[in-house]
N, C-alpha and C. Protein backbone atom coordinates (compact mmCIF):
# COMPACT_ATOMS: atom_id res chain seq x y z
N MET A 1 136.55 74.16 105.50
CA MET A 1 136.34 75.45 104.74
C MET A 1 136.44 76.76 105.74
N ASP A 2 137.64 77.40 105.22
CA ASP A 2 137.75 78.31 106.93
C ASP A 2 137.45 79.82 105.99
N ARG A 3 136.84 80.80 107.08
CA ARG A 3 136.39 82.17 106.53
C ARG A 3 137.81 82.51 107.28
N LYS A 4 138.57 83.33 106.32
CA LYS A 4 139.66 84.58 106.84
C LYS A 4 139.58 85.55 107.07
N ILE A 5 139.50 86.72 107.95
CA ILE A 5 139.35 88.07 108.14
C ILE A 5 140.38 88.72 107.36
N ILE A 6 140.46 89.34 106.43
CA ILE A 6 141.96 89.60 105.59
C ILE A 6 142.18 90.90 106.35
N PHE A 7 141.09 91.80 106.36
CA PHE A 7 141.62 93.39 106.79
C PHE A 7 140.45 93.88 107.74
N SER A 8 140.58 94.61 108.56
CA SER A 8 139.19 94.73 109.61
C SER A 8 140.03 96.21 110.41
N ASP A 9 139.10 96.58 110.60
CA ASP A 9 139.23 98.20 111.68
C ASP A 9 138.61 97.89 112.78
N SER A 10 138.90 98.41 113.92
CA SER A 10 137.97 98.28 114.92
C SER A 10 138.13 99.73 115.54
N ILE A 11 137.19 99.82 116.64
CA ILE A 11 137.13 101.26 117.51
C ILE A 11 136.96 100.72 118.92
N ILE A 12 137.06 101.52 119.80
CA ILE A 12 136.85 101.18 121.22
C ILE A 12 135.94 102.40 121.64
N LEU A 13 134.81 101.52 122.36
CA LEU A 13 133.88 102.24 123.02
C LEU A 13 134.13 102.10 124.74
N SER A 14 134.31 103.09 125.50
CA SER A 14 134.30 102.82 126.82
C SER A 14 133.19 104.79 127.36
N GLU A 15 134.12 104.61 128.62
CA GLU A 15 133.23 105.65 129.42
C GLU A 15 133.85 106.22 130.71
N ILE A 16 133.79 107.32 130.70
CA ILE A 16 134.72 108.14 131.88
C ILE A 16 133.70 108.94 132.54
N LYS A 17 133.57 108.54 133.75
CA LYS A 17 132.35 109.57 134.94
C LYS A 17 133.19 110.35 135.66
N ASN A 18 132.91 111.16 135.64
CA ASN A 18 134.23 112.01 136.37
C ASN A 18 133.75 113.67 136.17
N ASN A 19 133.08 114.03 137.14
CA ASN A 19 132.49 115.25 137.42
C ASN A 19 133.55 116.57 137.26
N GLU A 20 134.50 116.49 138.03
CA GLU A 20 135.48 117.37 137.86
C GLU A 20 136.22 117.97 136.42
N LEU A 21 136.02 116.24 135.44
CA LEU A 21 136.68 116.55 133.98
C LEU A 21 135.64 117.17 133.38
N ASP A 22 134.38 117.31 133.38
CA ASP A 22 133.29 117.90 132.80
C ASP A 22 133.32 119.11 133.44
N GLU A 23 133.32 119.53 134.76
CA GLU A 23 133.42 120.97 134.98
C GLU A 23 134.81 121.92 134.43
N ILE A 24 136.12 121.15 134.20
CA ILE A 24 137.21 121.76 133.72
C ILE A 24 137.00 122.05 132.22
N ILE A 25 136.43 120.99 131.66
CA ILE A 25 135.79 120.83 129.87
C ILE A 25 134.87 122.06 129.73
N LEU A 26 134.32 122.24 130.70
CA LEU A 26 133.29 123.58 130.23
C LEU A 26 133.56 125.04 130.68
N ARG A 27 134.51 124.87 131.90
CA ARG A 27 134.92 126.22 131.97
C ARG A 27 135.89 126.40 131.09
N THR A 28 136.75 125.70 130.79
CA THR A 28 137.96 126.05 129.87
C THR A 28 137.24 126.36 128.50
N LEU A 29 136.34 125.59 127.77
CA LEU A 29 135.43 126.11 126.74
C LEU A 29 134.87 127.81 127.00
N LYS A 30 134.04 127.79 128.06
CA LYS A 30 133.92 129.04 128.31
C LYS A 30 135.06 130.35 128.09
N GLU A 31 136.41 130.11 128.54
CA GLU A 31 137.48 131.00 128.75
C GLU A 31 137.60 131.07 126.96
N GLU A 32 137.60 129.79 126.27
CA GLU A 32 138.03 129.68 124.76
C GLU A 32 137.07 130.69 123.75
N GLU A 33 135.65 130.36 124.52
CA GLU A 33 134.66 131.28 123.55
C GLU A 33 135.07 133.00 124.05
N ASN A 34 135.13 133.72 125.01
CA ASN A 34 135.17 134.68 125.37
C ASN A 34 136.22 135.16 125.05
N THR A 35 137.86 134.39 124.73
CA THR A 35 139.12 135.45 124.34
C THR A 35 139.22 134.58 123.35
N SER A 36 138.85 133.90 122.27
CA SER A 36 139.07 133.59 120.90
C SER A 36 137.96 133.11 120.03
N GLN A 37 138.03 133.16 118.45
CA GLN A 37 137.25 133.08 117.59
C GLN A 37 137.07 131.82 117.35
N GLY A 38 138.19 130.94 117.61
CA GLY A 38 138.03 129.05 117.46
C GLY A 38 138.48 128.99 116.14
N VAL A 39 138.68 127.49 115.82
CA VAL A 39 139.11 127.43 114.28
C VAL A 39 138.40 126.74 113.64
N VAL A 40 138.26 126.53 112.27
CA VAL A 40 138.08 125.87 111.25
C VAL A 40 138.74 125.02 110.78
N LYS A 41 137.96 123.55 110.99
CA LYS A 41 138.70 122.43 110.35
C LYS A 41 137.67 121.86 109.56
N SER A 42 137.31 120.56 110.38
CA SER A 42 136.09 119.70 110.03
C SER A 42 134.77 120.37 110.50
N ASN A 43 134.34 121.34 111.33
CA ASN A 43 133.22 121.86 112.26
C ASN A 43 132.65 122.75 111.11
N ARG A 44 131.35 122.57 110.94
CA ARG A 44 130.94 123.46 110.42
C ARG A 44 129.43 124.04 110.91
N LYS A 45 129.37 125.42 111.46
CA LYS A 45 128.40 125.77 112.04
C LYS A 45 128.84 126.43 114.03
N GLY A 46 129.81 125.10 114.04
CA GLY A 46 129.81 125.15 115.70
C GLY A 46 131.41 126.17 115.94
N PHE A 47 131.60 125.84 116.99
CA PHE A 47 132.62 126.16 117.92
C PHE A 47 133.65 125.03 118.09
N GLN A 48 135.08 125.66 117.66
CA GLN A 48 136.01 124.86 117.88
C GLN A 48 137.06 125.52 118.21
N THR A 49 137.82 124.93 119.17
CA THR A 49 139.15 125.92 120.26
C THR A 49 139.90 125.49 119.65
N ASP A 50 141.33 125.94 119.70
CA ASP A 50 142.56 125.78 118.95
C ASP A 50 143.08 124.71 120.16
N THR A 51 144.31 124.32 119.81
CA THR A 51 144.49 123.40 120.97
C THR A 51 144.55 123.88 121.97
N ILE A 52 144.19 123.23 123.38
CA ILE A 52 143.98 123.27 124.46
C ILE A 52 145.35 123.05 125.26
N ASP A 53 145.89 123.34 126.20
CA ASP A 53 147.00 122.60 126.95
C ASP A 53 146.72 122.93 128.53
N ASN A 54 146.26 121.65 128.61
CA ASN A 54 145.54 121.70 130.67
C ASN A 54 146.02 120.23 130.97
N PHE A 55 147.13 120.58 131.72
CA PHE A 55 147.94 118.92 132.28
C PHE A 55 146.15 118.12 132.63
N TYR A 56 145.55 118.44 133.73
CA TYR A 56 144.48 117.64 133.74
C TYR A 56 143.72 116.76 132.84
N LEU A 57 143.63 117.86 131.55
CA LEU A 57 142.69 117.18 130.45
C LEU A 57 143.50 116.34 129.98
N SER A 58 144.83 116.32 129.65
CA SER A 58 145.74 115.63 129.00
C SER A 58 146.07 114.43 129.37
N LYS A 59 146.92 114.66 131.18
CA LYS A 59 146.64 113.20 131.76
C LYS A 59 145.63 112.20 131.69
N THR A 60 144.35 112.59 131.69
CA THR A 60 143.36 112.25 131.93
C THR A 60 143.01 111.28 130.50
N PHE A 61 142.87 111.67 129.71
CA PHE A 61 142.72 111.23 128.02
C PHE A 61 144.03 110.16 128.00
N THR A 62 145.19 110.84 128.14
CA THR A 62 146.20 109.52 127.79
C THR A 62 145.71 108.54 128.82
N GLU A 63 145.80 108.59 130.12
CA GLU A 63 145.94 107.38 130.76
C GLU A 63 144.41 106.47 130.14
N LYS A 64 143.47 107.30 129.80
CA LYS A 64 142.39 106.57 129.42
C LYS A 64 142.45 105.79 127.84
N ALA A 65 143.22 106.19 127.15
CA ALA A 65 143.69 105.81 126.40
C ALA A 65 144.21 104.51 126.26
N GLY A 66 145.37 104.87 127.01
CA GLY A 66 146.60 103.76 127.39
C GLY A 66 145.76 102.49 127.70
N GLU A 67 145.01 102.77 128.56
CA GLU A 67 144.25 101.53 129.47
C GLU A 67 143.31 101.09 128.30
N CYS A 68 142.71 101.45 127.22
CA CYS A 68 141.81 101.25 126.19
C CYS A 68 142.91 100.43 125.47
N LEU A 69 143.76 100.91 125.00
CA LEU A 69 144.52 100.19 123.93
C LEU A 69 145.07 98.89 124.58
N LYS A 70 145.64 98.67 125.62
CA LYS A 70 146.36 97.57 126.73
C LYS A 70 145.24 96.55 127.00
N GLU A 71 143.88 97.23 126.75
CA GLU A 71 142.77 96.34 127.14
C GLU A 71 142.11 95.44 125.74
N ASN A 72 142.62 96.40 124.42
CA ASN A 72 142.24 95.48 123.84
C ASN A 72 142.97 95.28 122.20
N TYR A 73 144.80 95.43 122.64
CA TYR A 73 145.31 95.11 121.74
C TYR A 73 146.48 94.53 122.25
N ASN A 74 147.44 93.93 121.66
CA ASN A 74 148.53 93.24 122.14
C ASN A 74 149.34 94.52 121.69
N ILE A 75 149.75 95.20 122.82
CA ILE A 75 150.64 96.41 122.58
C ILE A 75 152.14 95.89 123.44
N ASP A 76 153.35 96.45 123.16
CA ASP A 76 154.17 95.71 123.72
C ASP A 76 154.43 96.72 124.37
N LYS A 77 155.08 96.30 125.41
CA LYS A 77 155.44 97.08 127.15
C LYS A 77 155.95 97.90 127.25
N LYS A 78 157.11 98.64 125.74
CA LYS A 78 157.93 99.35 125.68
C LYS A 78 157.39 100.70 124.77
N THR A 79 155.68 100.31 124.50
CA THR A 79 155.27 101.04 123.71
C THR A 79 154.88 102.76 124.58
N LYS A 80 155.10 103.81 123.78
CA LYS A 80 154.87 104.96 124.93
C LYS A 80 153.73 105.53 123.72
N ILE A 81 152.69 106.15 124.23
CA ILE A 81 151.68 106.91 124.17
C ILE A 81 151.86 108.31 124.39
N SER A 82 151.62 109.15 123.71
CA SER A 82 151.70 110.39 123.80
C SER A 82 150.67 111.13 122.96
N LEU A 83 149.95 111.83 124.15
CA LEU A 83 148.97 113.08 123.57
C LEU A 83 149.44 114.23 122.41
N PHE A 84 149.03 114.24 121.57
CA PHE A 84 149.80 115.34 120.59
C PHE A 84 149.10 116.47 120.70
N ASN A 85 147.59 116.34 120.73
CA ASN A 85 146.80 117.51 120.73
C ASN A 85 145.18 117.34 121.02
N LEU A 86 144.71 118.17 121.62
CA LEU A 86 143.07 117.78 121.89
C LEU A 86 142.50 119.01 122.16
N TRP A 87 141.26 119.34 121.42
CA TRP A 87 140.66 120.28 121.88
C TRP A 87 139.12 120.47 122.02
N ILE A 88 138.44 121.78 121.82
CA ILE A 88 136.98 121.07 122.50
C ILE A 88 135.90 121.58 121.39
N ASN A 89 134.93 120.72 120.94
CA ASN A 89 133.92 121.24 119.96
C ASN A 89 132.76 121.89 120.60
N LYS A 90 132.03 122.41 120.11
CA LYS A 90 130.84 123.13 120.80
C LYS A 90 129.60 123.01 119.46
N ASN A 91 129.09 121.98 119.31
CA ASN A 91 128.41 122.42 117.89
C ASN A 91 126.33 122.41 118.27
N TYR A 92 126.26 123.65 117.59
CA TYR A 92 124.78 124.31 118.13
C TYR A 92 123.95 123.79 117.01
N LYS A 93 122.47 123.79 117.86
CA LYS A 93 121.47 123.06 116.32
C LYS A 93 121.85 123.42 114.93
N GLY A 94 122.11 122.29 114.41
CA GLY A 94 122.20 122.38 112.94
C GLY A 94 123.76 122.35 112.51
N SER A 95 124.94 122.12 113.38
CA SER A 95 126.28 122.17 113.11
C SER A 95 126.34 120.46 112.90
N TYR A 96 127.44 120.38 112.39
CA TYR A 96 127.85 119.31 111.82
C TYR A 96 129.76 118.91 111.71
N ASN A 97 130.33 117.99 111.66
CA ASN A 97 131.65 118.00 111.41
C ASN A 97 131.63 117.13 110.05
N ALA A 98 132.21 117.50 108.75
CA ALA A 98 132.39 117.31 107.76
C ALA A 98 133.07 115.89 107.73
N PRO A 99 132.97 115.18 106.66
CA PRO A 99 134.05 113.63 106.69
C PRO A 99 135.63 114.45 106.84
N HIS A 100 136.30 113.60 107.68
CA HIS A 100 137.81 113.55 107.83
C HIS A 100 138.75 112.50 108.36
N THR A 101 139.71 112.89 108.32
CA THR A 101 140.76 111.91 109.57
C THR A 101 141.45 112.70 110.03
N HIS A 102 142.43 112.06 110.65
CA HIS A 102 143.20 113.17 111.64
C HIS A 102 144.81 112.61 111.17
N PRO A 103 145.49 113.34 110.19
CA PRO A 103 146.84 112.64 109.77
C PRO A 103 147.57 112.72 110.80
N LYS A 104 148.87 112.27 110.43
CA LYS A 104 150.14 112.46 111.34
C LYS A 104 149.82 111.99 113.08
N SER A 105 148.54 111.26 113.28
CA SER A 105 148.75 110.56 114.58
C SER A 105 148.25 108.90 114.52
N ASN A 106 148.19 108.30 115.20
CA ASN A 106 147.93 106.98 114.92
C ASN A 106 146.76 106.33 115.78
N PHE A 107 146.56 107.21 116.66
CA PHE A 107 144.92 106.97 117.35
C PHE A 107 144.04 108.08 117.48
N SER A 108 142.98 108.63 117.44
CA SER A 108 142.34 109.27 117.56
C SER A 108 141.06 109.51 118.64
N GLY A 109 140.44 110.54 118.95
CA GLY A 109 139.28 110.02 119.88
C GLY A 109 138.50 111.14 120.51
N VAL A 110 137.80 110.87 121.06
CA VAL A 110 136.23 112.01 121.04
C VAL A 110 135.87 111.28 122.72
N TYR A 111 135.46 112.21 123.57
CA TYR A 111 134.80 112.44 124.57
C TYR A 111 133.88 113.34 124.55
N TYR A 112 132.42 112.30 124.95
CA TYR A 112 131.31 113.07 124.85
C TYR A 112 130.55 114.35 126.56
N VAL A 113 130.69 115.20 126.54
CA VAL A 113 129.95 115.60 127.62
C VAL A 113 129.15 115.51 127.87
N SER A 114 128.71 116.63 126.59
CA SER A 114 126.91 116.36 126.61
C SER A 114 126.57 116.49 125.30
N VAL A 115 125.67 115.81 125.02
CA VAL A 115 124.90 115.05 123.73
C VAL A 115 123.42 115.65 123.72
N SER A 116 123.07 115.14 122.39
CA SER A 116 121.64 114.71 122.16
C SER A 116 121.56 113.52 121.96
N LYS A 117 120.41 112.85 122.53
CA LYS A 117 120.29 111.45 122.98
C LYS A 117 119.31 110.92 121.48
N LYS A 118 119.38 111.62 120.51
CA LYS A 118 118.50 110.97 119.34
C LYS A 118 119.42 111.52 118.16
N GLU A 119 120.21 112.45 117.88
CA GLU A 119 121.03 112.81 117.02
C GLU A 119 122.27 113.15 117.00
N GLY A 120 122.93 113.29 115.99
CA GLY A 120 124.01 113.83 115.97
C GLY A 120 125.09 112.43 116.16
N LYS A 121 125.00 111.80 115.35
CA LYS A 121 125.60 110.41 115.22
C LYS A 121 127.13 110.60 114.66
N LEU A 122 127.75 109.58 115.35
CA LEU A 122 129.44 109.97 114.70
C LEU A 122 129.14 108.73 113.88
N ILE A 123 129.97 109.34 112.53
CA ILE A 123 129.65 108.10 111.56
C ILE A 123 130.76 107.96 110.74
N PHE A 124 131.50 106.23 110.76
CA PHE A 124 132.61 105.97 110.60
C PHE A 124 132.54 105.83 108.90
N LEU A 125 133.27 106.24 108.10
CA LEU A 125 133.04 106.14 106.75
C LEU A 125 134.26 104.86 106.01
N ARG A 126 133.43 103.84 105.69
CA ARG A 126 134.56 103.12 105.22
C ARG A 126 135.57 103.80 104.14
N ASN A 127 136.87 103.43 103.97
CA ASN A 127 137.95 104.28 103.36
C ASN A 127 137.89 103.79 102.10
N ASP A 128 137.45 102.32 101.67
CA ASP A 128 137.04 101.88 100.30
C ASP A 128 135.54 101.77 100.07
N LYS A 129 135.37 103.19 99.26
CA LYS A 129 134.26 102.80 98.93
C LYS A 129 133.49 101.92 98.01
N THR A 130 134.50 101.12 97.26
CA THR A 130 133.93 100.14 96.20
C THR A 130 133.32 98.98 96.71
N ALA A 131 133.35 99.19 98.14
CA ALA A 131 132.16 97.56 98.71
C ALA A 131 130.84 97.95 98.17
N GLY A 132 130.57 99.21 98.46
CA GLY A 132 129.24 99.35 98.01
C GLY A 132 128.35 99.02 96.45
N PHE A 133 129.69 98.94 95.87
CA PHE A 133 129.31 98.77 94.30
C PHE A 133 128.65 97.12 93.94
N THR A 134 128.62 96.17 94.71
CA THR A 134 128.21 95.01 94.84
C THR A 134 126.78 94.70 95.61
N ASP A 135 126.75 95.47 96.18
CA ASP A 135 125.27 95.71 97.04
C ASP A 135 124.83 94.32 97.90
N ASN A 136 126.28 93.73 98.31
CA ASN A 136 126.21 92.81 99.19
C ASN A 136 125.28 93.21 100.84
N HIS A 137 126.07 94.25 100.81
CA HIS A 137 125.20 94.73 102.29
C HIS A 137 123.54 94.24 101.95
N MET A 138 123.31 94.23 101.02
CA MET A 138 121.77 93.88 100.73
C MET A 138 121.06 92.89 101.14
N TYR A 139 122.05 91.77 101.20
CA TYR A 139 121.87 90.60 101.00
C TYR A 139 122.70 89.55 102.04
N LEU A 140 123.42 90.07 102.64
CA LEU A 140 124.58 89.87 103.55
C LEU A 140 124.31 90.64 104.97
N LYS A 141 124.32 89.88 105.83
CA LYS A 141 123.84 91.09 106.91
C LYS A 141 125.42 90.93 107.96
N GLU A 142 126.66 91.10 107.24
CA GLU A 142 127.55 91.52 107.95
C GLU A 142 128.22 92.49 107.73
N THR A 143 129.38 92.96 109.26
CA THR A 143 129.99 94.19 108.73
C THR A 143 130.96 94.12 107.55
N ASP A 144 131.05 93.06 107.05
CA ASP A 144 132.06 92.84 106.18
C ASP A 144 131.97 93.84 104.67
N PHE A 145 130.41 94.22 105.05
CA PHE A 145 129.98 94.77 103.22
C PHE A 145 129.22 95.99 103.74
N TYR A 146 129.33 96.63 105.16
CA TYR A 146 128.75 97.95 105.55
C TYR A 146 129.62 98.97 105.06
N ASN A 147 129.15 100.14 104.39
CA ASN A 147 130.23 101.05 104.15
C ASN A 147 130.12 102.21 105.12
N THR A 148 128.99 102.02 106.34
CA THR A 148 129.27 103.07 107.36
C THR A 148 128.46 102.55 108.48
N PHE A 149 129.39 102.87 109.60
CA PHE A 149 129.14 102.07 110.81
C PHE A 149 128.91 103.36 111.86
N GLU A 150 127.82 103.56 112.46
CA GLU A 150 127.28 104.54 113.21
C GLU A 150 126.83 104.69 114.72
N ILE A 151 127.54 105.36 115.52
CA ILE A 151 127.61 105.78 116.96
C ILE A 151 126.98 106.53 117.31
N GLN A 152 125.46 105.96 118.44
CA GLN A 152 124.94 107.72 118.86
C GLN A 152 125.29 107.84 120.29
N PRO A 153 126.21 108.99 120.30
CA PRO A 153 127.03 109.16 121.66
C PRO A 153 125.88 109.35 122.53
N LYS A 154 126.60 109.49 123.89
CA LYS A 154 126.27 109.43 125.20
C LYS A 154 126.93 110.31 126.04
N ASN A 155 126.49 110.95 126.89
CA ASN A 155 127.36 111.38 128.07
C ASN A 155 128.16 110.75 128.24
N ASN A 156 129.39 111.27 128.23
CA ASN A 156 130.69 110.20 129.14
C ASN A 156 131.02 109.40 128.75
N MET A 157 130.50 109.04 127.20
CA MET A 157 131.19 107.98 126.19
C MET A 157 132.74 108.69 126.04
N PHE A 158 133.20 107.29 125.88
CA PHE A 158 134.71 107.57 125.32
C PHE A 158 135.34 106.66 123.88
N VAL A 159 135.21 107.61 122.77
CA VAL A 159 135.52 106.78 121.07
C VAL A 159 137.02 106.85 121.35
N LEU A 160 137.70 105.62 121.25
CA LEU A 160 139.00 105.80 120.61
C LEU A 160 138.87 105.08 119.15
N PHE A 161 139.87 105.19 117.96
CA PHE A 161 139.80 104.61 116.90
C PHE A 161 140.98 105.17 115.98
N SER A 162 141.76 104.19 115.17
CA SER A 162 142.57 104.57 114.23
C SER A 162 142.68 105.77 113.35
N SER A 163 143.61 106.58 113.53
CA SER A 163 143.24 108.15 113.21
C SER A 163 142.88 108.05 111.80
N HIS A 164 143.21 106.78 111.00
CA HIS A 164 142.94 106.65 109.58
C HIS A 164 141.67 106.79 109.05
N LEU A 165 140.86 106.34 109.55
CA LEU A 165 139.31 105.59 109.94
C LEU A 165 138.79 107.36 109.18
N ASP A 166 138.01 107.63 108.26
CA ASP A 166 137.46 108.35 107.86
C ASP A 166 136.30 108.70 108.29
N HIS A 167 135.86 109.81 109.24
CA HIS A 167 134.50 110.10 109.95
C HIS A 167 133.68 111.01 109.99
N MET A 168 132.61 111.42 110.59
CA MET A 168 131.70 112.47 110.16
C MET A 168 130.89 112.47 111.32
N VAL A 169 130.54 113.69 111.91
CA VAL A 169 129.46 114.23 112.62
C VAL A 169 127.98 114.77 112.47
N GLU A 170 126.90 113.85 112.48
CA GLU A 170 125.66 114.77 111.86
C GLU A 170 125.46 115.47 112.48
N PRO A 171 124.38 116.65 111.85
CA PRO A 171 124.08 117.57 112.65
C PRO A 171 123.10 116.98 113.71
N HIS A 172 122.88 117.78 114.68
CA HIS A 172 121.72 117.70 115.58
C HIS A 172 120.55 118.85 115.86
N TYR A 173 119.35 118.71 116.27
CA TYR A 173 118.83 119.52 115.80
C TYR A 173 118.12 120.20 117.57
N ASP A 174 118.68 119.25 118.48
CA ASP A 174 118.40 120.07 119.77
C ASP A 174 118.92 121.56 120.09
N ASP A 175 117.72 122.12 120.70
CA ASP A 175 118.44 123.52 121.28
C ASP A 175 119.90 124.03 122.05
N LYS A 176 120.15 122.76 122.53
CA LYS A 176 120.83 122.45 123.80
C LYS A 176 122.44 121.84 123.00
N PRO A 177 123.33 122.89 122.96
CA PRO A 177 124.56 122.81 122.14
C PRO A 177 125.22 121.24 122.43
N ARG A 178 125.69 120.16 121.91
CA ARG A 178 126.60 119.23 121.95
C ARG A 178 128.01 119.61 121.96
N ILE A 179 128.48 119.38 123.16
CA ILE A 179 130.20 119.31 123.70
C ILE A 179 130.66 117.87 123.75
N SER A 180 131.89 117.99 123.35
CA SER A 180 132.76 116.96 123.10
C SER A 180 134.36 117.38 123.26
N VAL A 181 135.38 116.56 123.66
CA VAL A 181 136.49 116.71 123.42
C VAL A 181 137.13 115.79 122.60
N SER A 182 137.54 116.60 121.45
CA SER A 182 138.77 115.23 120.72
C SER A 182 140.00 115.45 121.05
N PHE A 183 140.65 114.46 120.65
CA PHE A 183 142.16 114.29 120.48
C PHE A 183 142.67 113.36 119.78
N ASN A 184 144.26 113.44 119.65
CA ASN A 184 145.15 112.73 118.97
C ASN A 184 146.13 112.19 119.46
N PHE A 185 146.95 110.96 119.45
CA PHE A 185 147.70 110.18 120.28
C PHE A 185 148.58 109.75 119.26
N GLY A 186 150.06 109.38 119.57
CA GLY A 186 150.60 108.91 118.95
C GLY A 186 151.65 107.79 119.97
N LEU A 187 152.14 107.00 119.02
CA LEU A 187 152.82 105.86 119.62
C LEU A 187 154.25 105.29 118.86
N SER A 188 155.11 105.10 120.22
CA SER A 188 156.25 105.06 119.99
C SER A 188 157.40 104.25 120.53
N ASN A 189 158.42 103.86 120.23
CA ASN A 189 159.16 102.85 121.39
C ASN A 189 159.82 103.62 122.43
N GLY A 190 159.44 102.94 123.76
CA GLY A 190 159.66 104.14 124.65
C GLY A 190 161.25 103.72 125.63
């Protein structure tokens, strides 16, 4: 008797420890807060920059995404990884991000600069909600039957995931804002 996994989703968890990167992010965020009202997409009560055009940030996150994809998937050597956009998020006490996906990209991700140690989890929601109708998760402790997957962010954590995955960010209640950078990548034949 064989158990076959017929559909699966995965995320990649990694880390970037780079003080210069964090300094550039914080400086860019401050400049954007002083010159822009930001944009509202999935963010609620927080500040989100419009698309940031910064060579250093783009290069750093593209290289990290490429490294993660090559280490974790059987990716064709001719595949080109292109950054479509990136933006900075600042979530204040009580801020959150509503459930959403990232259309028109292959992979999306987030890098955490400053986070709460207990709150503000990144939650992936199973796109097929009907799995919860069976209550199998109550009896079988396998991820096959979970409707959510939660990640407690840490400073310098890098998360890469397929853009079709529905996800959200819980509120946090620390007085210190949560700061992260989000991005979208596309794949093409190079």
